[in-house]
């Protein structure tokens, strides 16, 4: 599944399905995983079927499955090459040109014409 083209609900449902697959691969019942994670069985059911839970419960389940290392690369700032960093820094320093307003001088009324 390409998360870049998915909605938040679709991603949550997919993650729930992946956690279910991990649980089954480890031969765990939902109640057993719930006990290890310190959450209710209903939390596991809802997570696996709908992808809904609190962040704290999700982390407990991931840790109970022994997959906390999978969380490490999340939201990590990717290291760039020096050239890319210099280019990004230079882009920060460039300012847009200022808009100069041209002051127009009022036209003088010609003699003999009413203003």
C-alpha atoms as a PDB file:
ATOM      1  CA  UNK A   1       0.000   0.000   0.000  1.00  0.00           C
ATOM      2  CA  UNK A   2       1.276   3.437  -0.923  1.00  0.00           C
ATOM      3  CA  UNK A   3       0.643   5.650   2.103  1.00  0.00           C
ATOM      4  CA  UNK A   4       1.301   8.757   0.015  1.00  0.00           C
ATOM      5  CA  UNK A   5      -1.910   8.177  -1.912  1.00  0.00           C
ATOM      6  CA  UNK A   6      -4.047   7.066   1.044  1.00  0.00           C
ATOM      7  CA  UNK A   7      -6.353   8.787   3.487  1.00  0.00           C
ATOM      8  CA  UNK A   8      -5.658   8.779   7.219  1.00  0.00           C
ATOM      9  CA  UNK A   9      -8.442   6.220   7.746  1.00  0.00           C
ATOM     10  CA  UNK A  10      -7.004   3.929   5.070  1.00  0.00           C
ATOM     11  CA  UNK A  11      -3.538   4.102   6.635  1.00  0.00           C
ATOM     12  CA  UNK A  12      -4.954   3.406  10.104  1.00  0.00           C
ATOM     13  CA  UNK A  13      -6.890   0.385   8.808  1.00  0.00           C
ATOM     14  CA  UNK A  14      -3.801  -0.939   7.025  1.00  0.00           C
ATOM     15  CA  UNK A  15      -1.652  -0.564  10.150  1.00  0.00           C
ATOM     16  CA  UNK A  16      -4.294  -2.404  12.176  1.00  0.00           C
ATOM     17  CA  UNK A  17      -4.270  -5.241   9.639  1.00  0.00           C
ATOM     18  CA  UNK A  18      -0.467  -5.389   9.766  1.00  0.00           C
ATOM     19  CA  UNK A  19      -0.505  -5.593  13.551  1.00  0.00           C
ATOM     20  CA  UNK A  20      -3.049  -8.414  13.339  1.00  0.00           C
ATOM     21  CA  UNK A  21      -0.791 -10.265  10.902  1.00  0.00           C
ATOM     22  CA  UNK A  22       2.151  -9.820  13.315  1.00  0.00           C
ATOM     23  CA  UNK A  23       0.053 -11.122  16.207  1.00  0.00           C
ATOM     24  CA  UNK A  24      -1.034 -14.176  14.217  1.00  0.00           C
ATOM     25  CA  UNK A  25       2.527 -14.819  13.023  1.00  0.00           C
ATOM     26  CA  UNK A  26       3.594 -14.950  16.672  1.00  0.00           C
ATOM     27  CA  UNK A  27       0.731 -17.331  17.477  1.00  0.00           C
ATOM     28  CA  UNK A  28      -0.902 -14.969  19.965  1.00  0.00           C
ATOM     29  CA  UNK A  29      -4.603 -14.733  20.787  1.00  0.00           C
ATOM     30  CA  UNK A  30      -6.088 -11.243  21.077  1.00  0.00           C
ATOM     31  CA  UNK A  31      -6.548 -11.657  24.837  1.00  0.00           C
ATOM     32  CA  UNK A  32      -2.954 -12.781  25.288  1.00  0.00           C
ATOM     33  CA  UNK A  33      -1.613  -9.767  23.366  1.00  0.00           C
ATOM     34  CA  UNK A  34      -3.916  -7.502  25.357  1.00  0.00           C
ATOM     35  CA  UNK A  35      -2.513  -8.895  28.601  1.00  0.00           C
ATOM     36  CA  UNK A  36       1.080  -8.429  27.465  1.00  0.00           C
ATOM     37  CA  UNK A  37       0.369  -4.878  26.301  1.00  0.00           C
ATOM     38  CA  UNK A  38      -1.662  -3.903  29.347  1.00  0.00           C
ATOM     39  CA  UNK A  39      -4.727  -2.951  27.301  1.00  0.00           C
ATOM     40  CA  UNK A  40      -8.193  -4.467  26.998  1.00  0.00           C
ATOM     41  CA  UNK A  41      -9.052  -7.159  24.475  1.00  0.00           C
ATOM     42  CA  UNK A  42     -11.577  -4.716  23.007  1.00  0.00           C
ATOM     43  CA  UNK A  43      -8.709  -2.300  22.326  1.00  0.00           C
ATOM     44  CA  UNK A  44      -6.952  -5.013  20.287  1.00  0.00           C
ATOM     45  CA  UNK A  45     -10.163  -5.848  18.382  1.00  0.00           C
ATOM     46  CA  UNK A  46     -10.813  -2.193  17.544  1.00  0.00           C
ATOM     47  CA  UNK A  47      -7.193  -1.601  16.561  1.00  0.00           C
ATOM     48  CA  UNK A  48      -7.045  -4.630  14.276  1.00  0.00           C
ATOM     49  CA  UNK A  49     -10.436  -4.107  12.635  1.00  0.00           C
ATOM     50  CA  UNK A  50     -10.702  -0.324  12.400  1.00  0.00           C
ATOM     51  CA  UNK A  51      -7.192   0.933  13.062  1.00  0.00           C
ATOM     52  CA  UNK A  52      -8.498   3.051  15.932  1.00  0.00           C
ATOM     53  CA  UNK A  53      -6.866   3.428  19.334  1.00  0.00           C
ATOM     54  CA  UNK A  54      -4.908   5.946  21.351  1.00  0.00           C
ATOM     55  CA  UNK A  55      -1.277   6.586  20.577  1.00  0.00           C
ATOM     56  CA  UNK A  56      -0.307   5.206  23.981  1.00  0.00           C
ATOM     57  CA  UNK A  57      -2.214   1.957  23.341  1.00  0.00           C
ATOM     58  CA  UNK A  58      -0.709   1.621  19.880  1.00  0.00           C
ATOM     59  CA  UNK A  59       2.784   1.970  21.336  1.00  0.00           C
ATOM     60  CA  UNK A  60       2.026  -0.626  24.037  1.00  0.00           C
ATOM     61  CA  UNK A  61       0.804  -3.120  21.417  1.00  0.00           C
ATOM     62  CA  UNK A  62       3.823  -2.503  19.171  1.00  0.00           C
ATOM     63  CA  UNK A  63       6.148  -3.023  22.135  1.00  0.00           C
ATOM     64  CA  UNK A  64       4.295  -6.158  23.250  1.00  0.00           C
ATOM     65  CA  UNK A  65       4.842  -7.553  19.747  1.00  0.00           C
ATOM     66  CA  UNK A  66       8.561  -6.731  20.054  1.00  0.00           C
ATOM     67  CA  UNK A  67       8.512  -4.291  17.147  1.00  0.00           C
ATOM     68  CA  UNK A  68       9.495  -1.042  18.872  1.00  0.00           C
ATOM     69  CA  UNK A  69      12.622  -0.841  16.699  1.00  0.00           C
ATOM     70  CA  UNK A  70      10.289  -0.341  13.730  1.00  0.00           C
ATOM     71  CA  UNK A  71       9.270   2.999  15.242  1.00  0.00           C
ATOM     72  CA  UNK A  72      12.776   4.476  15.269  1.00  0.00           C
ATOM     73  CA  UNK A  73      12.853   5.746  11.672  1.00  0.00           C
ATOM     74  CA  UNK A  74       9.457   7.466  11.979  1.00  0.00           C
ATOM     75  CA  UNK A  75       9.652  11.247  11.623  1.00  0.00           C
ATOM     76  CA  UNK A  76      13.450  11.186  11.532  1.00  0.00           C
ATOM     77  CA  UNK A  77      15.041  14.062   9.682  1.00  0.00           C
ATOM     78  CA  UNK A  78      16.842  12.582   6.730  1.00  0.00           C
ATOM     79  CA  UNK A  79      20.517  13.420   6.446  1.00  0.00           C
ATOM     80  CA  UNK A  80      21.295  15.221   3.234  1.00  0.00           C
ATOM     81  CA  UNK A  81      24.489  15.756   1.317  1.00  0.00           C
ATOM     82  CA  UNK A  82      26.512  18.863   2.110  1.00  0.00           C
ATOM     83  CA  UNK A  83      25.605  20.320  -1.280  1.00  0.00           C
ATOM     84  CA  UNK A  84      21.887  19.879  -0.575  1.00  0.00           C
ATOM     85  CA  UNK A  85      22.230  21.477   2.855  1.00  0.00           C
ATOM     86  CA  UNK A  86      24.139  24.441   1.391  1.00  0.00           C
ATOM     87  CA  UNK A  87      21.516  24.831  -1.329  1.00  0.00           C
ATOM     88  CA  UNK A  88      18.705  24.776   1.241  1.00  0.00           C
ATOM     89  CA  UNK A  89      20.544  27.319   3.413  1.00  0.00           C
ATOM     90  CA  UNK A  90      21.138  29.600   0.424  1.00  0.00           C
ATOM     91  CA  UNK A  91      17.466  29.391  -0.490  1.00  0.00           C
ATOM     92  CA  UNK A  92      16.547  30.622   2.997  1.00  0.00           C
ATOM     93  CA  UNK A  93      18.673  33.739   2.535  1.00  0.00           C
ATOM     94  CA  UNK A  94      17.237  34.822  -0.798  1.00  0.00           C
ATOM     95  CA  UNK A  95      14.672  37.512  -0.400  1.00  0.00           C
ATOM     96  CA  UNK A  96      12.013  38.393  -2.852  1.00  0.00           C
ATOM     97  CA  UNK A  97      12.601  41.707  -4.563  1.00  0.00           C
ATOM     98  CA  UNK A  98      10.828  44.610  -2.990  1.00  0.00           C
ATOM     99  CA  UNK A  99       7.961  46.123  -4.821  1.00  0.00           C
ATOM    100  CA  UNK A 100       8.680  49.746  -5.447  1.00  0.00           C
ATOM    101  CA  UNK A 101       5.673  51.951  -5.685  1.00  0.00           C
ATOM    102  CA  UNK A 102       6.047  54.618  -8.270  1.00  0.00           C
ATOM    103  CA  UNK A 103       4.812  57.843  -6.910  1.00  0.00           C
ATOM    104  CA  UNK A 104       2.896  59.682  -9.500  1.00  0.00           C
ATOM    105  CA  UNK A 105       2.972  63.400  -9.354  1.00  0.00           C
ATOM    106  CA  UNK A 106      -0.393  65.071  -9.658  1.00  0.00           C
ATOM    107  CA  UNK A 107      -0.864  66.760 -12.959  1.00  0.00           C
ATOM    108  CA  UNK A 108      -1.166  70.476 -12.812  1.00  0.00           C
ATOM    109  CA  UNK A 109      -4.235  72.000 -14.249  1.00  0.00           C
ATOM    110  CA  UNK A 110      -3.553  74.040 -17.331  1.00  0.00           C
ATOM    111  CA  UNK A 111      -4.365  77.714 -17.140  1.00  0.00           C
ATOM    112  CA  UNK A 112      -7.836  78.421 -18.334  1.00  0.00           C
ATOM    113  CA  UNK A 113      -9.183  74.944 -17.561  1.00  0.00           C
ATOM    114  CA  UNK A 114     -11.358  74.269 -14.561  1.00  0.00           C
ATOM    115  CA  UNK A 115     -10.297  71.574 -12.213  1.00  0.00           C
END
